[in-house]
Amino acid sequence: MKFPEALIEGRLKKRYKRFLADVELCHSGEIVTAHCANSGSMKTLLGEGIPVWLSYSDDPKRKLKYSWQMLQLGEAMVGINTALPNKLVEEALGVGWIAPLQGYAKLRREVKYGKNSRIDILLENEDGALTYVEVKNTTMLREAGIAEFPDSVTARGTKHLQELSDMVAQGHRAAMVFLVQRDDAQRMRIARDIDHAYGEAFDAALAAGVEAYAIGCRLDAGEIVVDRNVEIDFYSAL
């Protein structure tokens, strides 16, 4: 996924009210407020002065002209915009990164299903067979090379796992895809110490026949591209 224009580099001052971040722009020294499209805790990612990259929009309808897209921790680039993973996974499916989810005739996004939910991606065969795909942005890293999800308690995520299990019980396929939006992780695992209920729901979903895959990204100021499969440690200990 290419950005329409190269991102603008800055230094993080602070993130607050979940969806706001103050950033000092490197080219001018101006401090701007950017939209932070990430409702999670962003655990292990935040620190005053870290390099960040913003996109800019001159849309007169927008209150905030800047959007926070990625950050740098050491040598690692990390994508924090949770509005992007569905598009990135769609692109990855289009070029064959998740082999078991290839060969479908139709792909739709944000389709209503389950108990008042929307599935991120719905795949459909020519014979009408359906595969429900839930996408989770994964950015937390507490141990070198290993990304983890979730970074906070997620009742919504647990609900999604249960609803995917329901789809399998109804005769459909269902899959979790963890999009590791950072370039320094080769494996991922469930952060069971952060959300034990999610870990239990994940195990139950696997037992019910829900599939799970993880893919990783390469990021720079011009684009984000899925470039590898990531191994999942399915039953990592607490």
C-alpha atoms as a PDB file:
ATOM      1  CA  MET A   1       0.000   0.000   0.000  1.00  0.00           C
ATOM      2  CA  LYS A   2       1.567   3.234  -1.171  1.00  0.00           C
ATOM      3  CA  PHE A   3       0.850   6.556   0.483  1.00  0.00           C
ATOM      4  CA  PRO A   4      -0.333   9.278  -1.921  1.00  0.00           C
ATOM      5  CA  GLU A   5       2.577  11.447  -0.746  1.00  0.00           C
ATOM      6  CA  ALA A   6       5.677  10.685   1.292  1.00  0.00           C
ATOM      7  CA  LEU A   7       5.045  10.859   5.028  1.00  0.00           C
ATOM      8  CA  ILE A   8       6.280  13.771   7.143  1.00  0.00           C
ATOM      9  CA  GLU A   9       8.812  13.033   9.889  1.00  0.00           C
ATOM     10  CA  GLY A  10       8.434  14.387  13.402  1.00  0.00           C
ATOM     11  CA  ARG A  11       9.156  13.666  17.043  1.00  0.00           C
ATOM     12  CA  LEU A  12       6.439  12.563  19.435  1.00  0.00           C
ATOM     13  CA  LYS A  13       5.648  14.939  22.279  1.00  0.00           C
ATOM     14  CA  LYS A  14       2.754  12.999  23.786  1.00  0.00           C
ATOM     15  CA  ARG A  15      -0.279  10.876  22.985  1.00  0.00           C
ATOM     16  CA  TYR A  16      -3.452  11.694  24.895  1.00  0.00           C
ATOM     17  CA  LYS A  17      -7.213  11.102  24.895  1.00  0.00           C
ATOM     18  CA  ARG A  18      -6.372   7.944  22.879  1.00  0.00           C
ATOM     19  CA  PHE A  19      -6.947   9.596  19.503  1.00  0.00           C
ATOM     20  CA  LEU A  20      -4.695  12.673  19.728  1.00  0.00           C
ATOM     21  CA  ALA A  21      -0.928  13.112  19.550  1.00  0.00           C
ATOM     22  CA  ASP A  22       1.234  16.223  19.684  1.00  0.00           C
ATOM     23  CA  VAL A  23       4.177  16.019  17.301  1.00  0.00           C
ATOM     24  CA  GLU A  24       7.081  18.358  16.589  1.00  0.00           C
ATOM     25  CA  LEU A  25       7.726  18.434  12.835  1.00  0.00           C
ATOM     26  CA  CYS A  26      11.383  17.905  11.951  1.00  0.00           C
ATOM     27  CA  HIS A  27      11.448  20.248   8.945  1.00  0.00           C
ATOM     28  CA  SER A  28       9.952  23.265  10.699  1.00  0.00           C
ATOM     29  CA  GLY A  29       9.944  22.713  14.457  1.00  0.00           C
ATOM     30  CA  GLU A  30       6.207  23.397  14.471  1.00  0.00           C
ATOM     31  CA  ILE A  31       4.162  21.407  16.995  1.00  0.00           C
ATOM     32  CA  VAL A  32       0.985  19.990  15.453  1.00  0.00           C
ATOM     33  CA  THR A  33      -1.832  17.834  16.789  1.00  0.00           C
ATOM     34  CA  ALA A  34      -2.332  14.665  14.753  1.00  0.00           C
ATOM     35  CA  HIS A  35      -5.169  12.160  14.703  1.00  0.00           C
ATOM     36  CA  CYS A  36      -4.093   8.834  16.217  1.00  0.00           C
ATOM     37  CA  ALA A  37      -6.215   6.144  14.552  1.00  0.00           C
ATOM     38  CA  ASN A  38      -5.526   3.549  17.225  1.00  0.00           C
ATOM     39  CA  SER A  39      -7.868   2.804  20.119  1.00  0.00           C
ATOM     40  CA  GLY A  40      -5.487   0.330  21.765  1.00  0.00           C
ATOM     41  CA  SER A  41      -3.048   0.915  24.572  1.00  0.00           C
ATOM     42  CA  MET A  42      -0.047   1.040  22.172  1.00  0.00           C
ATOM     43  CA  LYS A  43       1.867  -0.769  24.914  1.00  0.00           C
ATOM     44  CA  THR A  44       5.670  -0.862  24.335  1.00  0.00           C
ATOM     45  CA  LEU A  45       5.379   1.754  21.551  1.00  0.00           C
ATOM     46  CA  LEU A  46       5.206   5.166  23.230  1.00  0.00           C
ATOM     47  CA  GLY A  47       8.010   7.424  24.363  1.00  0.00           C
ATOM     48  CA  GLU A  48       8.594  11.150  24.226  1.00  0.00           C
ATOM     49  CA  GLY A  49      10.930  12.103  21.412  1.00  0.00           C
ATOM     50  CA  ILE A  50      10.634   8.929  19.333  1.00  0.00           C
ATOM     51  CA  PRO A  51      10.610   9.415  15.532  1.00  0.00           C
ATOM     52  CA  VAL A  52       7.104   9.344  14.041  1.00  0.00           C
ATOM     53  CA  TRP A  53       5.677   9.799  10.555  1.00  0.00           C
ATOM     54  CA  LEU A  54       2.499  11.652   9.669  1.00  0.00           C
ATOM     55  CA  SER A  55       0.360  11.976   6.567  1.00  0.00           C
ATOM     56  CA  TYR A  56      -1.191  15.315   5.647  1.00  0.00           C
ATOM     57  CA  SER A  57      -4.598  16.123   4.172  1.00  0.00           C
ATOM     58  CA  ASP A  58      -5.851  19.511   3.012  1.00  0.00           C
ATOM     59  CA  ASP A  59      -9.485  18.365   3.074  1.00  0.00           C
ATOM     60  CA  PRO A  60     -11.403  21.392   4.428  1.00  0.00           C
ATOM     61  CA  LYS A  61     -13.836  19.071   6.210  1.00  0.00           C
ATOM     62  CA  ARG A  62     -11.079  17.648   8.420  1.00  0.00           C
ATOM     63  CA  LYS A  63     -10.517  19.243  11.796  1.00  0.00           C
ATOM     64  CA  LEU A  64      -7.037  17.682  12.110  1.00  0.00           C
ATOM     65  CA  LYS A  65      -4.905  17.867   8.968  1.00  0.00           C
ATOM     66  CA  TYR A  66      -2.297  15.357  10.141  1.00  0.00           C
ATOM     67  CA  SER A  67      -2.699  11.620  10.772  1.00  0.00           C
ATOM     68  CA  TRP A  68      -0.148   9.513  12.649  1.00  0.00           C
ATOM     69  CA  GLN A  69       0.842   6.521  10.499  1.00  0.00           C
ATOM     70  CA  MET A  70       4.009   4.965  11.910  1.00  0.00           C
ATOM     71  CA  LEU A  71       6.854   5.278  14.392  1.00  0.00           C
ATOM     72  CA  GLN A  72      10.406   4.057  14.836  1.00  0.00           C
ATOM     73  CA  LEU A  73      11.798   2.158  17.818  1.00  0.00           C
ATOM     74  CA  GLY A  74      15.520   1.575  17.439  1.00  0.00           C
ATOM     75  CA  GLU A  75      15.850   0.160  13.938  1.00  0.00           C
ATOM     76  CA  ALA A  76      12.257  -1.105  13.820  1.00  0.00           C
ATOM     77  CA  MET A  77       9.460   0.627  11.920  1.00  0.00           C
ATOM     78  CA  VAL A  78       5.964   0.113  13.326  1.00  0.00           C
ATOM     79  CA  GLY A  79       2.598   0.952  11.739  1.00  0.00           C
ATOM     80  CA  ILE A  80       0.041   2.214  14.261  1.00  0.00           C
ATOM     81  CA  ASN A  81      -2.933   3.167  12.059  1.00  0.00           C
ATOM     82  CA  THR A  82      -5.588   0.516  12.719  1.00  0.00           C
ATOM     83  CA  ALA A  83      -7.654   1.733   9.763  1.00  0.00           C
ATOM     84  CA  LEU A  84      -5.116   0.172   7.366  1.00  0.00           C
ATOM     85  CA  PRO A  85      -4.875  -3.566   8.233  1.00  0.00           C
ATOM     86  CA  ASN A  86      -7.978  -4.676   6.319  1.00  0.00           C
ATOM     87  CA  LYS A  87      -6.652  -3.080   3.127  1.00  0.00           C
ATOM     88  CA  LEU A  88      -3.190  -4.527   3.704  1.00  0.00           C
ATOM     89  CA  VAL A  89      -4.582  -8.029   4.248  1.00  0.00           C
ATOM     90  CA  GLU A  90      -6.730  -7.677   1.134  1.00  0.00           C
ATOM     91  CA  GLU A  91      -3.604  -6.777  -0.852  1.00  0.00           C
ATOM     92  CA  ALA A  92      -1.733  -9.708   0.727  1.00  0.00           C
ATOM     93  CA  LEU A  93      -4.499 -12.114  -0.265  1.00  0.00           C
ATOM     94  CA  GLY A  94      -4.355 -10.740  -3.793  1.00  0.00           C
ATOM     95  CA  VAL A  95      -0.693 -11.690  -4.189  1.00  0.00           C
ATOM     96  CA  GLY A  96      -0.899 -15.047  -2.415  1.00  0.00           C
ATOM     97  CA  TRP A  97       0.717 -14.469   0.967  1.00  0.00           C
ATOM     98  CA  ILE A  98      -1.824 -16.667   2.786  1.00  0.00           C
ATOM     99  CA  ALA A  99      -1.912 -19.792   0.635  1.00  0.00           C
ATOM    100  CA  PRO A 100      -4.875 -21.525   2.364  1.00  0.00           C
ATOM    101  CA  LEU A 101      -7.058 -18.481   1.635  1.00  0.00           C
ATOM    102  CA  GLN A 102      -6.448 -18.342  -2.114  1.00  0.00           C
ATOM    103  CA  GLY A 103      -8.725 -19.103  -5.047  1.00  0.00           C
ATOM    104  CA  TYR A 104     -11.895 -17.284  -4.024  1.00  0.00           C
ATOM    105  CA  ALA A 105     -14.110 -15.668  -6.638  1.00  0.00           C
ATOM    106  CA  LYS A 106     -15.215 -12.706  -4.540  1.00  0.00           C
ATOM    107  CA  LEU A 107     -13.946 -10.619  -1.631  1.00  0.00           C
ATOM    108  CA  ARG A 108     -16.120  -8.222   0.352  1.00  0.00           C
ATOM    109  CA  ARG A 109     -15.233  -6.071   3.343  1.00  0.00           C
ATOM    110  CA  GLU A 110     -17.202  -5.001   6.407  1.00  0.00           C
ATOM    111  CA  VAL A 111     -20.123  -7.414   5.915  1.00  0.00           C
ATOM    112  CA  LYS A 112     -22.705  -7.775   8.687  1.00  0.00           C
ATOM    113  CA  TYR A 113     -22.745 -11.151  10.435  1.00  0.00           C
ATOM    114  CA  GLY A 114     -23.160 -12.817  13.812  1.00  0.00           C
ATOM    115  CA  LYS A 115     -24.571 -10.848  16.717  1.00  0.00           C
ATOM    116  CA  ASN A 116     -24.606  -7.299  15.409  1.00  0.00           C
ATOM    117  CA  SER A 117     -21.005  -7.484  14.137  1.00  0.00           C
ATOM    118  CA  ARG A 118     -19.201  -6.890  10.862  1.00  0.00           C
ATOM    119  CA  ILE A 119     -16.627  -9.286   9.488  1.00  0.00           C
ATOM    120  CA  ASP A 120     -13.481  -7.592   8.198  1.00  0.00           C
ATOM    121  CA  ILE A 121     -13.229  -9.700   5.038  1.00  0.00           C
ATOM    122  CA  LEU A 122     -15.727 -12.179   3.588  1.00  0.00           C
ATOM    123  CA  LEU A 123     -14.433 -14.554   0.918  1.00  0.00           C
ATOM    124  CA  GLU A 124     -16.873 -16.367  -1.364  1.00  0.00           C
ATOM    125  CA  ASN A 125     -16.372 -19.264  -3.769  1.00  0.00           C
ATOM    126  CA  GLU A 126     -18.218 -19.606  -7.048  1.00  0.00           C
ATOM    127  CA  ASP A 127     -20.344 -22.313  -5.419  1.00  0.00           C
ATOM    128  CA  GLY A 128     -21.350 -19.891  -2.652  1.00  0.00           C
ATOM    129  CA  ALA A 129     -19.096 -21.322   0.077  1.00  0.00           C
ATOM    130  CA  LEU A 130     -18.066 -18.610   2.550  1.00  0.00           C
ATOM    131  CA  THR A 131     -14.938 -17.941   4.602  1.00  0.00           C
ATOM    132  CA  TYR A 132     -15.093 -15.323   7.359  1.00  0.00           C
ATOM    133  CA  VAL A 133     -11.792 -13.511   7.998  1.00  0.00           C
ATOM    134  CA  GLU A 134     -11.167 -11.365  11.086  1.00  0.00           C
ATOM    135  CA  VAL A 135      -8.077  -9.110  10.994  1.00  0.00           C
ATOM    136  CA  LYS A 136      -6.150  -7.914  14.056  1.00  0.00           C
ATOM    137  CA  ASN A 137      -3.430  -5.278  13.953  1.00  0.00           C
ATOM    138  CA  THR A 138      -0.477  -6.560  15.997  1.00  0.00           C
ATOM    139  CA  THR A 139       2.259  -4.190  17.172  1.00  0.00           C
ATOM    140  CA  MET A 140       3.290  -5.023  20.732  1.00  0.00           C
ATOM    141  CA  LEU A 141       6.752  -6.569  21.175  1.00  0.00           C
ATOM    142  CA  ARG A 142       8.161  -7.364  24.613  1.00  0.00           C
ATOM    143  CA  GLU A 143      10.724  -9.976  23.562  1.00  0.00           C
ATOM    144  CA  ALA A 144      13.060  -9.589  20.592  1.00  0.00           C
ATOM    145  CA  GLY A 145      11.518 -10.929  17.392  1.00  0.00           C
ATOM    146  CA  ILE A 146       8.147 -11.891  18.924  1.00  0.00           C
ATOM    147  CA  ALA A 147       5.028  -9.765  18.372  1.00  0.00           C
ATOM    148  CA  GLU A 148       2.066 -10.219  20.718  1.00  0.00           C
ATOM    149  CA  PHE A 149      -1.691  -9.667  20.664  1.00  0.00           C
ATOM    150  CA  PRO A 150      -3.599  -8.178  22.430  1.00  0.00           C
ATOM    151  CA  ASP A 151      -1.868  -5.234  24.100  1.00  0.00           C
ATOM    152  CA  SER A 152      -4.812  -4.696  26.493  1.00  0.00           C
ATOM    153  CA  VAL A 153      -7.960  -6.512  27.573  1.00  0.00           C
ATOM    154  CA  THR A 154     -10.253  -6.862  24.553  1.00  0.00           C
ATOM    155  CA  ALA A 155     -13.771  -8.076  25.213  1.00  0.00           C
ATOM    156  CA  ARG A 156     -14.558  -7.174  21.598  1.00  0.00           C
ATOM    157  CA  GLY A 157     -11.764  -9.428  20.361  1.00  0.00           C
ATOM    158  CA  THR A 158     -13.044 -12.301  22.498  1.00  0.00           C
ATOM    159  CA  LYS A 159     -16.518 -11.792  21.057  1.00  0.00           C
ATOM    160  CA  HIS A 160     -15.111 -11.976  17.523  1.00  0.00           C
ATOM    161  CA  LEU A 161     -13.439 -15.311  18.251  1.00  0.00           C
ATOM    162  CA  GLN A 162     -16.702 -16.710  19.569  1.00  0.00           C
ATOM    163  CA  GLU A 163     -18.577 -15.495  16.500  1.00  0.00           C
ATOM    164  CA  LEU A 164     -16.001 -17.049  14.170  1.00  0.00           C
ATOM    165  CA  SER A 165     -16.536 -20.336  16.012  1.00  0.00           C
ATOM    166  CA  ASP A 166     -20.274 -19.945  15.436  1.00  0.00           C
ATOM    167  CA  MET A 167     -19.668 -19.562  11.685  1.00  0.00           C
ATOM    168  CA  VAL A 168     -17.666 -22.803  11.639  1.00  0.00           C
ATOM    169  CA  ALA A 169     -20.492 -24.548  13.530  1.00  0.00           C
ATOM    170  CA  GLN A 170     -22.837 -23.375  10.770  1.00  0.00           C
ATOM    171  CA  GLY A 171     -20.679 -25.086   8.135  1.00  0.00           C
ATOM    172  CA  HIS A 172     -18.510 -22.177   6.951  1.00  0.00           C
ATOM    173  CA  ARG A 173     -14.752 -21.589   7.146  1.00  0.00           C
ATOM    174  CA  ALA A 174     -13.415 -18.906   9.466  1.00  0.00           C
ATOM    175  CA  ALA A 175      -9.928 -17.507  10.003  1.00  0.00           C
ATOM    176  CA  MET A 176      -8.066 -15.056  12.220  1.00  0.00           C
ATOM    177  CA  VAL A 177      -5.347 -13.081  10.449  1.00  0.00           C
ATOM    178  CA  PHE A 178      -2.876 -11.232  12.659  1.00  0.00           C
ATOM    179  CA  LEU A 179      -1.250  -8.429  10.688  1.00  0.00           C
ATOM    180  CA  VAL A 180       2.113  -7.769  12.331  1.00  0.00           C
ATOM    181  CA  GLN A 181       2.574  -4.152  11.346  1.00  0.00           C
ATOM    182  CA  ARG A 182       6.252  -3.973  12.258  1.00  0.00           C
ATOM    183  CA  ASP A 183       9.379  -5.145  10.474  1.00  0.00           C
ATOM    184  CA  ASP A 184      11.332  -6.746  13.336  1.00  0.00           C
ATOM    185  CA  ALA A 185       9.091  -9.708  14.253  1.00  0.00           C
ATOM    186  CA  GLN A 186       9.345 -13.210  12.801  1.00  0.00           C
ATOM    187  CA  ARG A 187       6.972 -14.869  15.290  1.00  0.00           C
ATOM    188  CA  MET A 188       3.859 -13.881  17.209  1.00  0.00           C
ATOM    189  CA  ARG A 189       1.954 -15.199  20.189  1.00  0.00           C
ATOM    190  CA  ILE A 190      -1.104 -14.501  22.289  1.00  0.00           C
ATOM    191  CA  ALA A 191      -0.411 -12.219  25.270  1.00  0.00           C
ATOM    192  CA  ARG A 192      -2.237 -14.444  27.726  1.00  0.00           C
ATOM    193  CA  ASP A 193      -0.900 -12.575  30.738  1.00  0.00           C
ATOM    194  CA  ILE A 194      -2.589  -9.398  29.511  1.00  0.00           C
ATOM    195  CA  ASP A 195      -5.955 -10.964  28.613  1.00  0.00           C
ATOM    196  CA  HIS A 196      -6.445 -14.493  29.914  1.00  0.00           C
ATOM    197  CA  ALA A 197     -10.036 -14.607  28.601  1.00  0.00           C
ATOM    198  CA  TYR A 198      -8.851 -13.824  25.082  1.00  0.00           C
ATOM    199  CA  GLY A 199      -6.281 -16.605  25.323  1.00  0.00           C
ATOM    200  CA  GLU A 200      -8.955 -19.088  26.374  1.00  0.00           C
ATOM    201  CA  ALA A 201     -11.272 -17.911  23.589  1.00  0.00           C
ATOM    202  CA  PHE A 202      -8.444 -18.258  21.059  1.00  0.00           C
ATOM    203  CA  ASP A 203      -7.783 -21.851  22.159  1.00  0.00           C
ATOM    204  CA  ALA A 204     -11.500 -22.651  22.017  1.00  0.00           C
ATOM    205  CA  ALA A 205     -11.778 -21.145  18.531  1.00  0.00           C
ATOM    206  CA  LEU A 206      -8.875 -23.251  17.255  1.00  0.00           C
ATOM    207  CA  ALA A 207     -10.494 -26.350  18.772  1.00  0.00           C
ATOM    208  CA  ALA A 208     -13.749 -25.437  17.026  1.00  0.00           C
ATOM    209  CA  GLY A 209     -11.991 -25.289  13.648  1.00  0.00           C
ATOM    210  CA  VAL A 210     -11.165 -21.590  13.283  1.00  0.00           C
ATOM    211  CA  GLU A 211      -7.892 -21.150  11.378  1.00  0.00           C
ATOM    212  CA  ALA A 212      -5.170 -18.670  12.368  1.00  0.00           C
ATOM    213  CA  TYR A 213      -2.455 -17.020  10.268  1.00  0.00           C
ATOM    214  CA  ALA A 214       0.017 -14.189  10.760  1.00  0.00           C
ATOM    215  CA  ILE A 215       1.783 -12.037   8.190  1.00  0.00           C
ATOM    216  CA  GLY A 216       4.348  -9.275   8.640  1.00  0.00           C
ATOM    217  CA  CYS A 217       5.041  -5.919   7.005  1.00  0.00           C
ATOM    218  CA  ARG A 218       7.924  -3.887   5.651  1.00  0.00           C
ATOM    219  CA  LEU A 219       7.410  -0.161   6.280  1.00  0.00           C
ATOM    220  CA  ASP A 220       8.962   3.105   5.162  1.00  0.00           C
ATOM    221  CA  ALA A 221       7.851   6.687   4.610  1.00  0.00           C
ATOM    222  CA  GLY A 222       6.456   5.808   1.182  1.00  0.00           C
ATOM    223  CA  GLU A 223       4.584   2.551   1.652  1.00  0.00           C
ATOM    224  CA  ILE A 224       3.615  -0.414   3.797  1.00  0.00           C
ATOM    225  CA  VAL A 225       3.919  -3.832   2.156  1.00  0.00           C
ATOM    226  CA  VAL A 226       3.267  -7.349   3.464  1.00  0.00           C
ATOM    227  CA  ASP A 227       6.536  -9.186   2.886  1.00  0.00           C
ATOM    228  CA  ARG A 228       6.553 -12.402   4.956  1.00  0.00           C
ATOM    229  CA  ASN A 229       4.657 -15.084   6.801  1.00  0.00           C
ATOM    230  CA  VAL A 230       5.002 -14.974  10.585  1.00  0.00           C
ATOM    231  CA  GLU A 231       5.032 -18.125  12.706  1.00  0.00           C
ATOM    232  CA  ILE A 232       2.411 -18.300  15.465  1.00  0.00           C
ATOM    233  CA  ASP A 233       3.299 -19.790  18.839  1.00  0.00           C
ATOM    234  CA  PHE A 234      -0.181 -21.191  19.372  1.00  0.00           C
ATOM    235  CA  TYR A 235       0.068 -22.364  22.954  1.00  0.00           C
ATOM    236  CA  SER A 236       2.723 -20.130  24.483  1.00  0.00           C
ATOM    237  CA  ALA A 237       2.764 -20.348  28.268  1.00  0.00           C
ATOM    238  CA  LEU A 238       1.521 -17.618  30.584  1.00  0.00           C
END
